[in-house]
């Protein structure tokens, strides 16, 4: 962690990518897989000192898959956010401000029913974590609809519009209705004697004899690209499952009102001064009048109060889209069920390996415009002492995967999942979806285990033998220490027989 995440901030991808193969992720860090192909070393040293050579052909193929996945995500984002503004980020305070500005913008845009590329952040298991939710959909809570009288047609239309915030003008000099105390946001002194707008909450409306606003829940989705007309098995979709669970926990904490989210703990963890004034250029570029993080926190509280969002739906969804050829004519290839989930395999590491202070963290209303960061890793070493037998390795792995190559188009979901839709590719190329329920116990168990590796408390592990098909598209397979170890184990067992 000190070597590769020295600033103490993890991305969600940092935590879920090892679910595919911890050793591959470890090699990706050491081999600088986040960099452009031309800037990556052709070999590097593993934790044990062994030289790992990179298979350039596979590396090139994976890079192409990654770029295609990024293009799909960008195209989807532009459907709801066609304008992108570049912002100069020069301090940690402005970096976190940019995330919060984009989050506020996303929550406000949910009045249209859906938004994409939503930044989330928080503290998970004592570590600062950031991420970007692919898609968030607003769903009206049924109970809230029943509370509204059929005769309240005008009010129903107003509350369903782009702003569920009720505004009233007031000339109060020293008092303010402001944000409810439950949001724990610091009050701000306004110019005395001037008429200004004040947020009116549901409790205020109730006191006035007016009906409460309609309330909403949010549903989270993540889009994955596939080169085949099938959706992956539950095992191969596991990293995506953990990814959405992490997103849900982070966003649920941020919109919480009881207790309200404690931004002070986060600022202390990441080492920022919430009272530090933003540079004038930053404010001009973002178009936001907030002068510091404290101002943005107060604004966030107001937006949460106005949104009437009360919960995050526990049902999460992975949507699989068909990845076509360069000419967008047909699927790349039809493969057996043992083929890996392309999205997680090829792009799992790329989004997360950039240095935290200098990477692009937001792709919504505004994006950070800064130089590419430096990456800490072991140097290139071209000396290799490969004593293992390639033929023995191939034989051992063939034995381990010979029973998992039966072709199938669609897989059944886990027993605890709400369901899995099986769709023919539509105009958007959607071929299927997996739905499952959030599980706090499962998430905590996984995060605790992966953090033990990140903290150096245990070694990285390779995949179980039944998942060795994942090695087929790994650029580190030729010198993979786990493959060599398993080949030797199988060889010894065969000798005894």
Protein backbone atom coordinates (compact mmCIF):
# COMPACT_ATOMS: atom_id res chain seq x y z
CA UNK A 1 0.00 0.00 0.00
CA UNK A 2 2.80 2.45 0.85
CA UNK A 3 4.49 1.65 -2.46
CA UNK A 4 1.52 1.98 -4.80
CA UNK A 5 -1.07 3.98 -2.83
CA UNK A 6 1.21 6.22 -0.82
CA UNK A 7 -1.43 8.97 -0.66
CA UNK A 8 -3.74 6.64 1.24
CA UNK A 9 -6.72 6.75 -1.13
CA UNK A 10 -8.07 3.62 -2.81
CA UNK A 11 -10.32 3.48 -5.83
CA UNK A 12 -13.19 1.01 -5.85
CA UNK A 13 -11.38 -0.73 -8.70
CA UNK A 14 -8.32 -1.16 -6.47
CA UNK A 15 -10.45 -3.20 -4.11
CA UNK A 16 -12.53 -5.29 -6.51
CA UNK A 17 -10.09 -6.07 -9.35
CA UNK A 18 -8.10 -8.61 -7.29
CA UNK A 19 -11.27 -10.73 -7.19
CA UNK A 20 -10.45 -11.83 -10.75
CA UNK A 21 -6.87 -12.79 -9.94
CA UNK A 22 -4.83 -11.24 -7.16
CA UNK A 23 -1.53 -12.22 -8.72
CA UNK A 24 -2.45 -10.66 -12.05
CA UNK A 25 -3.39 -7.45 -10.26
CA UNK A 26 -0.10 -7.52 -8.33
CA UNK A 27 1.83 -8.01 -11.57
CA UNK A 28 -0.17 -5.18 -13.15
CA UNK A 29 0.96 -2.79 -10.42
CA UNK A 30 4.60 -3.78 -10.81
CA UNK A 31 4.36 -3.80 -14.61
CA UNK A 32 2.77 -0.32 -14.71
CA UNK A 33 -0.26 -1.60 -16.58
CA UNK A 34 -2.04 1.74 -16.17
CA UNK A 35 0.40 3.45 -18.52
CA UNK A 36 0.17 3.60 -22.32
CA UNK A 37 1.59 0.50 -24.01
CA UNK A 38 4.71 2.31 -25.20
CA UNK A 39 5.56 3.39 -21.65
CA UNK A 40 5.28 -0.02 -20.00
CA UNK A 41 8.33 -2.16 -19.28
CA UNK A 42 8.71 -5.40 -21.21
CA UNK A 43 9.58 -7.19 -17.97
CA UNK A 44 9.67 -6.51 -14.24
CA UNK A 45 10.51 -8.16 -10.93
CA UNK A 46 7.85 -9.90 -8.85
CA UNK A 47 7.64 -9.66 -5.06
CA UNK A 48 9.89 -12.71 -4.78
CA UNK A 49 12.46 -11.30 -7.21
CA UNK A 50 11.55 -13.39 -10.25
CA UNK A 51 11.61 -11.67 -13.63
CA UNK A 52 8.17 -11.59 -15.24
CA UNK A 53 8.09 -11.05 -18.99
CA UNK A 54 5.08 -9.42 -20.62
CA UNK A 55 3.49 -11.12 -23.64
CA UNK A 56 3.17 -8.13 -25.95
CA UNK A 57 0.51 -9.59 -28.23
CA UNK A 58 -1.87 -10.30 -25.35
CA UNK A 59 -1.05 -6.94 -23.80
CA UNK A 60 -1.97 -5.19 -27.04
CA UNK A 61 -5.23 -7.13 -27.34
CA UNK A 62 -6.21 -6.33 -23.75
CA UNK A 63 -5.41 -2.67 -24.27
CA UNK A 64 -7.72 -2.57 -27.30
CA UNK A 65 -10.52 -4.18 -25.28
CA UNK A 66 -9.97 -1.66 -22.51
CA UNK A 67 -10.15 1.30 -24.88
CA UNK A 68 -13.33 -0.05 -26.43
CA UNK A 69 -14.91 -0.36 -23.00
CA UNK A 70 -13.91 3.20 -22.16
CA UNK A 71 -15.42 4.43 -25.43
CA UNK A 72 -18.71 2.68 -24.64
CA UNK A 73 -18.85 4.30 -21.21
CA UNK A 74 -18.03 7.72 -22.63
CA UNK A 75 -20.71 7.37 -25.30
CA UNK A 76 -23.31 6.44 -22.68
CA UNK A 77 -22.26 9.37 -20.51
CA UNK A 78 -22.62 11.84 -23.37
CA UNK A 79 -26.24 10.77 -23.81
CA UNK A 80 -27.08 12.55 -20.55
CA UNK A 81 -24.12 14.94 -20.21
CA UNK A 82 -23.13 16.26 -23.63
CA UNK A 83 -21.03 19.15 -22.28
CA UNK A 84 -17.73 18.64 -20.49
CA UNK A 85 -15.75 21.44 -18.88
CA UNK A 86 -12.05 21.15 -18.09
CA UNK A 87 -10.96 22.39 -14.68
CA UNK A 88 -7.45 23.05 -13.38
CA UNK A 89 -6.89 21.20 -10.11
CA UNK A 90 -3.89 22.49 -8.17
CA UNK A 91 -4.53 21.43 -4.56
CA UNK A 92 -5.99 18.52 -2.64
CA UNK A 93 -8.82 20.79 -1.57
CA UNK A 94 -9.82 21.58 -5.15
CA UNK A 95 -9.47 17.92 -6.08
CA UNK A 96 -12.01 16.90 -3.47
CA UNK A 97 -14.13 19.93 -4.29
CA UNK A 98 -14.35 18.77 -7.89
CA UNK A 99 -15.68 15.41 -6.77
CA UNK A 100 -18.27 17.05 -4.55
CA UNK A 101 -19.33 19.54 -7.24
CA UNK A 102 -19.88 16.70 -9.69
CA UNK A 103 -21.77 14.68 -7.09
CA UNK A 104 -24.07 17.63 -6.41
CA UNK A 105 -24.61 18.10 -10.14
CA UNK A 106 -25.49 14.42 -10.54
CA UNK A 107 -28.00 14.40 -7.69
CA UNK A 108 -29.68 17.51 -9.07
CA UNK A 109 -29.85 16.00 -12.56
CA UNK A 110 -31.72 12.96 -11.22
CA UNK A 111 -34.89 14.99 -11.64
CA UNK A 112 -34.76 13.62 -15.20
CA UNK A 113 -34.94 10.08 -13.83
CA UNK A 114 -31.40 8.90 -14.54
CA UNK A 115 -27.80 10.08 -14.55
CA UNK A 116 -24.41 8.52 -15.28
CA UNK A 117 -20.83 8.68 -14.01
CA UNK A 118 -21.68 9.62 -10.43
CA UNK A 119 -18.64 10.18 -8.17
CA UNK A 120 -18.83 8.58 -4.73
CA UNK A 121 -16.38 8.54 -1.85
CA UNK A 122 -16.06 7.79 1.83
CA UNK A 123 -14.28 5.69 4.41
CA UNK A 124 -14.52 1.89 4.20
CA UNK A 125 -12.83 -0.29 6.81
CA UNK A 126 -10.74 2.68 7.89
CA UNK A 127 -9.52 3.51 4.36
CA UNK A 128 -10.50 6.42 2.10
CA UNK A 129 -12.18 5.08 -1.04
CA UNK A 130 -13.31 6.83 -4.23
CA UNK A 131 -15.30 5.55 -7.19
CA UNK A 132 -17.58 6.46 -10.07
CA UNK A 133 -20.99 4.80 -10.36
CA UNK A 134 -21.79 3.99 -13.96
CA UNK A 135 -25.54 4.60 -13.83
CA UNK A 136 -28.04 5.77 -11.20
CA UNK A 137 -31.80 5.61 -11.73
CA UNK A 138 -34.38 7.40 -9.60
CA UNK A 139 -37.42 5.35 -8.56
CA UNK A 140 -40.46 6.79 -6.85
CA UNK A 141 -41.33 5.19 -3.52
CA UNK A 142 -44.83 3.71 -3.70
CA UNK A 143 -45.70 4.64 -0.13
CA UNK A 144 -45.14 8.30 -0.90
CA UNK A 145 -47.52 8.18 -3.86
CA UNK A 146 -50.32 6.81 -1.68
CA UNK A 147 -49.95 9.69 0.77
CA UNK A 148 -50.82 12.26 -1.89
CA UNK A 149 -54.50 12.92 -2.39
CA UNK A 150 -55.96 12.36 -5.88
CA UNK A 151 -57.13 15.97 -5.66
CA UNK A 152 -53.54 17.17 -5.31
CA UNK A 153 -52.83 16.97 -9.02
CA UNK A 154 -51.07 20.32 -9.21
CA UNK A 155 -48.81 19.58 -6.28
CA UNK A 156 -48.01 16.10 -7.61
CA UNK A 157 -46.89 17.59 -10.90
CA UNK A 158 -44.72 20.17 -9.17
CA UNK A 159 -43.01 17.69 -6.87
CA UNK A 160 -42.23 15.38 -9.77
CA UNK A 161 -40.47 18.12 -11.68
CA UNK A 162 -36.80 18.93 -11.94
CA UNK A 163 -36.64 20.44 -8.51
CA UNK A 164 -38.52 18.99 -5.59
CA UNK A 165 -37.11 21.81 -3.46
CA UNK A 166 -39.74 24.30 -2.32
CA UNK A 167 -38.47 27.89 -2.28
CA UNK A 168 -39.94 30.88 -0.48
CA UNK A 169 -38.73 34.46 -0.29
CA UNK A 170 -37.99 35.91 3.10
CA UNK A 171 -36.59 39.14 4.47
CA UNK A 172 -35.56 37.67 7.81
CA UNK A 173 -32.55 39.56 9.13
CA UNK A 174 -31.11 37.18 11.69
CA UNK A 175 -33.18 34.01 11.51
CA UNK A 176 -33.35 31.38 8.82
CA UNK A 177 -35.35 28.24 8.23
CA UNK A 178 -32.27 26.92 6.45
CA UNK A 179 -31.34 23.24 6.41
CA UNK A 180 -32.78 20.98 9.13
CA UNK A 181 -30.52 20.26 12.10
CA UNK A 182 -30.48 16.58 11.21
CA UNK A 183 -28.19 17.42 8.30
CA UNK A 184 -25.56 18.83 10.66
CA UNK A 185 -24.44 21.50 8.21
CA UNK A 186 -22.93 24.73 9.53
CA UNK A 187 -25.13 27.79 9.20
CA UNK A 188 -23.94 30.64 6.99
CA UNK A 189 -24.59 34.32 7.68
CA UNK A 190 -26.33 36.12 4.82
CA UNK A 191 -26.49 39.80 4.07
CA UNK A 192 -28.98 41.39 6.42
CA UNK A 193 -32.13 43.00 5.17
CA UNK A 194 -32.05 41.38 1.74
CA UNK A 195 -34.81 39.14 0.45
CA UNK A 196 -33.45 35.66 -0.10
CA UNK A 197 -34.58 32.12 -0.77
CA UNK A 198 -34.81 29.59 2.05
CA UNK A 199 -35.32 25.83 1.78
CA UNK A 200 -38.59 24.58 3.23
CA UNK A 201 -38.55 21.00 4.48
CA UNK A 202 -41.30 18.40 4.74
CA UNK A 203 -41.71 19.19 8.44
CA UNK A 204 -42.22 22.85 7.55
CA UNK A 205 -44.88 21.91 5.01
CA UNK A 206 -46.60 19.69 7.55
CA UNK A 207 -46.70 22.56 10.05
CA UNK A 208 -48.38 24.67 7.36
CA UNK A 209 -50.96 21.95 6.64
CA UNK A 210 -49.52 21.14 3.22
CA UNK A 211 -48.87 17.60 1.89
CA UNK A 212 -45.40 16.10 2.10
CA UNK A 213 -43.26 15.71 -0.97
CA UNK A 214 -43.00 12.46 -2.85
CA UNK A 215 -39.94 10.42 -1.92
CA UNK A 216 -37.55 8.42 -4.05
CA UNK A 217 -35.03 5.59 -3.99
CA UNK A 218 -31.99 5.19 -6.21
CA UNK A 219 -31.06 2.07 -8.16
CA UNK A 220 -27.45 1.45 -9.21
CA UNK A 221 -26.32 -0.23 -12.42
CA UNK A 222 -22.99 -0.93 -14.05
CA UNK A 223 -22.45 -1.58 -17.76
CA UNK A 224 -19.99 -4.24 -18.91
CA UNK A 225 -18.93 -4.97 -22.48
CA UNK A 226 -18.68 -8.51 -23.85
CA UNK A 227 -17.28 -9.92 -27.07
CA UNK A 228 -19.65 -12.89 -26.93
CA UNK A 229 -23.40 -13.46 -27.01
CA UNK A 230 -23.53 -14.59 -23.40
CA UNK A 231 -23.40 -13.26 -19.90
CA UNK A 232 -20.68 -14.52 -17.55
CA UNK A 233 -21.09 -17.04 -14.78
CA UNK A 234 -21.70 -15.78 -11.27
CA UNK A 235 -18.08 -16.58 -10.42
CA UNK A 236 -16.74 -14.48 -13.29
CA UNK A 237 -19.11 -11.64 -12.43
CA UNK A 238 -18.03 -11.58 -8.78
CA UNK A 239 -15.78 -8.53 -9.04
CA UNK A 240 -18.63 -6.58 -10.66
CA UNK A 241 -20.91 -7.68 -7.85
CA UNK A 242 -18.51 -6.40 -5.20
CA UNK A 243 -18.05 -3.21 -7.21
CA UNK A 244 -21.75 -2.35 -7.12
CA UNK A 245 -22.01 -3.25 -3.43
CA UNK A 246 -19.18 -0.85 -2.65
CA UNK A 247 -20.80 1.90 -4.70
CA UNK A 248 -24.07 1.37 -2.86
CA UNK A 249 -22.48 1.58 0.57
CA UNK A 250 -20.59 4.76 -0.29
CA UNK A 251 -23.62 6.49 -1.79
CA UNK A 252 -25.92 5.31 1.00
CA UNK A 253 -23.60 6.87 3.56
CA UNK A 254 -23.41 10.14 1.63
CA UNK A 255 -27.18 10.62 1.43
CA UNK A 256 -27.77 9.49 5.00
CA UNK A 257 -29.63 11.91 7.26
CA UNK A 258 -29.80 9.79 10.40
CA UNK A 259 -27.01 10.07 11.25
CA UNK A 260 -25.83 12.64 8.68
CA UNK A 261 -22.61 11.99 6.82
CA UNK A 262 -19.58 13.20 8.77
CA UNK A 263 -17.45 15.00 6.22
CA UNK A 264 -15.03 16.15 8.92
CA UNK A 265 -13.81 12.57 9.43
CA UNK A 266 -13.20 12.24 5.69
CA UNK A 267 -11.34 15.54 5.44
CA UNK A 268 -9.16 14.53 8.37
CA UNK A 269 -8.44 11.15 6.79
CA UNK A 270 -7.37 12.60 3.43
CA UNK A 271 -5.56 15.58 4.96
CA UNK A 272 -7.44 18.55 3.53
CA UNK A 273 -8.38 21.88 5.07
CA UNK A 274 -12.12 22.32 4.62
CA UNK A 275 -11.84 26.07 5.28
CA UNK A 276 -9.11 26.72 2.70
CA UNK A 277 -10.27 29.16 0.01
CA UNK A 278 -10.47 27.90 -3.56
CA UNK A 279 -8.37 29.69 -6.20
CA UNK A 280 -10.36 32.23 -8.19
CA UNK A 281 -9.61 30.40 -11.43
CA UNK A 282 -11.10 27.19 -10.03
CA UNK A 283 -14.34 28.95 -9.09
CA UNK A 284 -14.56 30.59 -12.51
CA UNK A 285 -14.02 27.31 -14.34
CA UNK A 286 -16.54 25.33 -12.28
CA UNK A 287 -19.09 28.12 -12.20
CA UNK A 288 -19.72 27.37 -8.53
CA UNK A 289 -19.84 30.19 -6.00
CA UNK A 290 -18.68 28.06 -3.06
CA UNK A 291 -15.46 29.41 -1.61
CA UNK A 292 -14.31 26.33 0.31
CA UNK A 293 -15.17 22.70 1.07
CA UNK A 294 -17.33 23.74 4.01
CA UNK A 295 -19.51 25.73 1.61
CA UNK A 296 -19.84 22.74 -0.68
CA UNK A 297 -20.78 20.46 2.21
CA UNK A 298 -23.54 22.88 3.16
CA UNK A 299 -24.72 22.94 -0.44
CA UNK A 300 -24.67 19.13 -0.56
CA UNK A 301 -26.89 18.99 2.52
CA UNK A 302 -29.39 21.33 0.89
CA UNK A 303 -29.45 19.28 -2.30
CA UNK A 304 -29.95 16.03 -0.38
CA UNK A 305 -32.82 17.60 1.56
CA UNK A 306 -34.42 18.85 -1.65
CA UNK A 307 -34.01 15.57 -3.55
CA UNK A 308 -36.34 13.61 -1.27
CA UNK A 309 -34.13 10.56 -1.82
CA UNK A 310 -34.60 8.30 1.18
CA UNK A 311 -32.72 5.11 0.29
CA UNK A 312 -30.59 3.17 -2.17
CA UNK A 313 -32.40 0.14 -3.61
CA UNK A 314 -30.73 -3.08 -2.34
CA UNK A 315 -31.27 -4.68 -5.76
CA UNK A 316 -28.22 -4.03 -7.94
CA UNK A 317 -27.80 -4.71 -11.64
CA UNK A 318 -24.95 -5.59 -13.98
CA UNK A 319 -25.88 -4.90 -17.61
CA UNK A 320 -23.91 -6.64 -20.35
CA UNK A 321 -23.53 -4.99 -23.75
CA UNK A 322 -22.21 -6.59 -26.90
CA UNK A 323 -18.76 -5.42 -27.93
CA UNK A 324 -18.60 -5.39 -31.72
CA UNK A 325 -15.73 -5.30 -34.17
CA UNK A 326 -14.17 -2.08 -35.34
CA UNK A 327 -16.79 -1.85 -38.08
CA UNK A 328 -19.60 -2.50 -35.57
CA UNK A 329 -21.04 -5.33 -37.67
CA UNK A 330 -21.09 -8.44 -35.51
CA UNK A 331 -19.79 -10.00 -32.31
CA UNK A 332 -16.07 -10.62 -32.22
CA UNK A 333 -16.32 -14.35 -31.49
CA UNK A 334 -18.59 -17.00 -30.03
CA UNK A 335 -16.81 -18.82 -27.22
CA UNK A 336 -17.49 -21.47 -24.57
CA UNK A 337 -18.65 -20.65 -21.09
CA UNK A 338 -15.14 -20.95 -19.70
CA UNK A 339 -14.07 -17.77 -21.47
CA UNK A 340 -13.36 -14.93 -18.99
CA UNK A 341 -15.44 -11.85 -18.48
CA UNK A 342 -13.67 -9.53 -20.88
CA UNK A 343 -14.54 -6.31 -19.13
CA UNK A 344 -13.17 -7.27 -15.75
CA UNK A 345 -10.12 -9.02 -17.19
CA UNK A 346 -8.97 -6.36 -19.60
CA UNK A 347 -9.91 -3.09 -17.95
CA UNK A 348 -9.99 -4.02 -14.27
CA UNK A 349 -6.68 -2.44 -13.41
CA UNK A 350 -6.45 0.45 -15.86
CA UNK A 351 -8.90 2.83 -14.23
CA UNK A 352 -7.38 2.44 -10.80
CA UNK A 353 -3.63 2.43 -11.21
CA UNK A 354 -3.16 6.12 -11.99
CA UNK A 355 -1.54 8.10 -9.20
CA UNK A 356 -4.33 9.43 -6.99
CA UNK A 357 -3.44 13.14 -6.90
CA UNK A 358 -2.96 13.55 -10.64
CA UNK A 359 -5.44 11.21 -12.32
CA UNK A 360 -8.80 12.13 -13.79
CA UNK A 361 -11.36 11.57 -11.07
CA UNK A 362 -14.50 13.01 -12.51
CA UNK A 363 -16.18 12.75 -15.85
CA UNK A 364 -19.42 14.57 -15.23
CA UNK A 365 -20.09 18.30 -15.40
CA UNK A 366 -16.44 19.17 -14.94
CA UNK A 367 -13.26 17.15 -15.26
CA UNK A 368 -9.82 17.60 -13.85
CA UNK A 369 -7.25 18.94 -16.25
CA UNK A 370 -3.79 18.05 -14.98
CA UNK A 371 -0.70 16.21 -16.01
CA UNK A 372 -0.37 12.45 -15.80
CA UNK A 373 0.98 11.27 -12.50
CA UNK A 374 4.14 9.40 -11.72
CA UNK A 375 3.90 5.73 -10.86
CA UNK A 376 5.94 3.90 -8.31
CA UNK A 377 7.08 0.45 -9.35
CA UNK A 378 10.03 -1.88 -9.60
CA UNK A 379 12.45 -1.30 -12.45
CA UNK A 380 13.00 -3.39 -15.55
CA UNK A 381 15.22 -6.39 -15.28
CA UNK A 382 15.79 -8.46 -18.40
CA UNK A 383 17.78 -11.27 -16.78
CA UNK A 384 15.74 -14.48 -16.69
CA UNK A 385 16.49 -17.94 -15.34
CA UNK A 386 13.60 -20.03 -16.56
CA UNK A 387 14.26 -23.61 -15.45
CA UNK A 388 10.68 -24.83 -15.50
CA UNK A 389 9.42 -27.02 -18.29
CA UNK A 390 6.84 -25.34 -20.54
CA UNK A 391 5.48 -28.68 -21.63
CA UNK A 392 4.93 -29.81 -18.05
CA UNK A 393 3.18 -26.54 -17.28
CA UNK A 394 0.91 -26.84 -20.30
CA UNK A 395 0.03 -30.43 -19.43
CA UNK A 396 -0.78 -29.56 -15.82
CA UNK A 397 -3.02 -26.67 -16.77
CA UNK A 398 -4.72 -28.72 -19.47
CA UNK A 399 -5.67 -31.27 -16.83
CA UNK A 400 -7.13 -28.56 -14.64
CA UNK A 401 -9.34 -27.00 -17.30
CA UNK A 402 -10.42 -29.97 -19.42
CA UNK A 403 -13.79 -30.22 -17.69
CA UNK A 404 -14.85 -26.57 -17.92
CA UNK A 405 -15.04 -25.98 -21.65
CA UNK A 406 -18.68 -26.88 -22.33
CA UNK A 407 -20.22 -24.10 -24.42
CA UNK A 408 -23.37 -22.43 -23.20
CA UNK A 409 -25.07 -19.19 -24.02
CA UNK A 410 -26.62 -18.05 -20.75
CA UNK A 411 -25.74 -18.87 -17.17
CA UNK A 412 -28.06 -19.26 -14.22
CA UNK A 413 -27.77 -16.80 -11.38
CA UNK A 414 -26.89 -17.56 -7.78
CA UNK A 415 -29.74 -18.79 -5.61
CA UNK A 416 -29.79 -15.58 -3.58
CA UNK A 417 -30.09 -13.31 -6.61
CA UNK A 418 -33.43 -11.65 -7.40
CA UNK A 419 -33.10 -12.75 -11.00
CA UNK A 420 -31.31 -12.61 -14.31
CA UNK A 421 -32.79 -11.22 -17.49
CA UNK A 422 -31.98 -12.90 -20.77
CA UNK A 423 -32.27 -10.44 -23.60
CA UNK A 424 -31.59 -10.61 -27.29
CA UNK A 425 -29.16 -7.87 -28.32
CA UNK A 426 -31.21 -4.72 -28.84
CA UNK A 427 -30.38 -1.48 -30.57
CA UNK A 428 -28.04 -0.60 -27.71
CA UNK A 429 -26.36 -3.98 -27.86
CA UNK A 430 -27.69 -5.19 -24.50
CA UNK A 431 -27.46 -8.99 -24.31
CA UNK A 432 -28.42 -9.60 -20.70
CA UNK A 433 -28.30 -8.52 -17.10
CA UNK A 434 -27.61 -9.94 -13.67
CA UNK A 435 -29.55 -8.71 -10.66
CA UNK A 436 -28.62 -9.45 -7.08
CA UNK A 437 -29.19 -8.19 -3.56
CA UNK A 438 -26.72 -6.15 -1.57
CA UNK A 439 -25.16 -8.22 1.21
CA UNK A 440 -23.27 -6.33 3.92
CA UNK A 441 -21.76 -9.45 5.47
CA UNK A 442 -20.42 -10.71 2.15
CA UNK A 443 -19.03 -7.28 1.27
CA UNK A 444 -17.32 -6.79 4.62
CA UNK A 445 -15.75 -10.25 4.42
CA UNK A 446 -14.38 -9.58 0.96
CA UNK A 447 -13.07 -6.07 1.74
CA UNK A 448 -11.40 -7.24 4.93
CA UNK A 449 -9.62 -10.01 3.03
CA UNK A 450 -8.42 -7.86 0.12
CA UNK A 451 -7.19 -5.13 2.48
CA UNK A 452 -5.02 -7.69 4.25
CA UNK A 453 -3.23 -8.17 0.94
CA UNK A 454 -3.00 -4.44 0.28
CA UNK A 455 -1.54 -3.89 3.74
CA UNK A 456 1.10 -6.56 3.20
CA UNK A 457 -0.35 -8.96 5.75
CA UNK A 458 -0.53 -11.83 3.23
CA UNK A 459 0.74 -12.73 -0.24
CA UNK A 460 -1.24 -12.43 -3.45
CA UNK A 461 -2.95 -15.62 -4.55
CA UNK A 462 -3.60 -17.03 -8.00
CA UNK A 463 -6.95 -18.39 -9.11
CA UNK A 464 -8.36 -21.78 -8.13
CA UNK A 465 -7.64 -24.54 -10.63
CA UNK A 466 -11.22 -24.51 -11.90
CA UNK A 467 -10.72 -20.90 -13.03
CA UNK A 468 -7.43 -21.33 -14.88
CA UNK A 469 -9.15 -20.43 -18.14
CA UNK A 470 -8.66 -16.86 -16.94
CA UNK A 471 -4.95 -17.29 -17.66
CA UNK A 472 -5.63 -17.53 -21.39
CA UNK A 473 -5.80 -13.77 -21.82
CA UNK A 474 -3.27 -12.72 -19.19
CA UNK A 475 -0.09 -11.08 -20.48
CA UNK A 476 1.91 -12.38 -17.50
CA UNK A 477 1.09 -16.07 -17.91
CA UNK A 478 4.43 -17.13 -19.42
CA UNK A 479 6.34 -16.49 -16.18
CA UNK A 480 3.46 -16.64 -13.71
CA UNK A 481 4.72 -18.04 -10.43
CA UNK A 482 1.36 -19.52 -9.51
CA UNK A 483 1.14 -21.47 -12.78
CA UNK A 484 4.63 -22.83 -12.25
CA UNK A 485 3.79 -23.83 -8.71
CA UNK A 486 0.63 -25.66 -9.77
CA UNK A 487 2.43 -27.39 -12.63
CA UNK A 488 5.04 -28.72 -10.21
CA UNK A 489 2.34 -29.91 -7.83
CA UNK A 490 0.54 -31.81 -10.58
CA UNK A 491 3.83 -33.22 -11.82
CA UNK A 492 4.67 -34.59 -8.37
CA UNK A 493 1.25 -36.20 -8.02
CA UNK A 494 1.62 -37.80 -11.45
CA UNK A 495 5.06 -39.18 -10.53
CA UNK A 496 3.63 -40.86 -7.43
CA UNK A 497 0.94 -42.52 -9.51
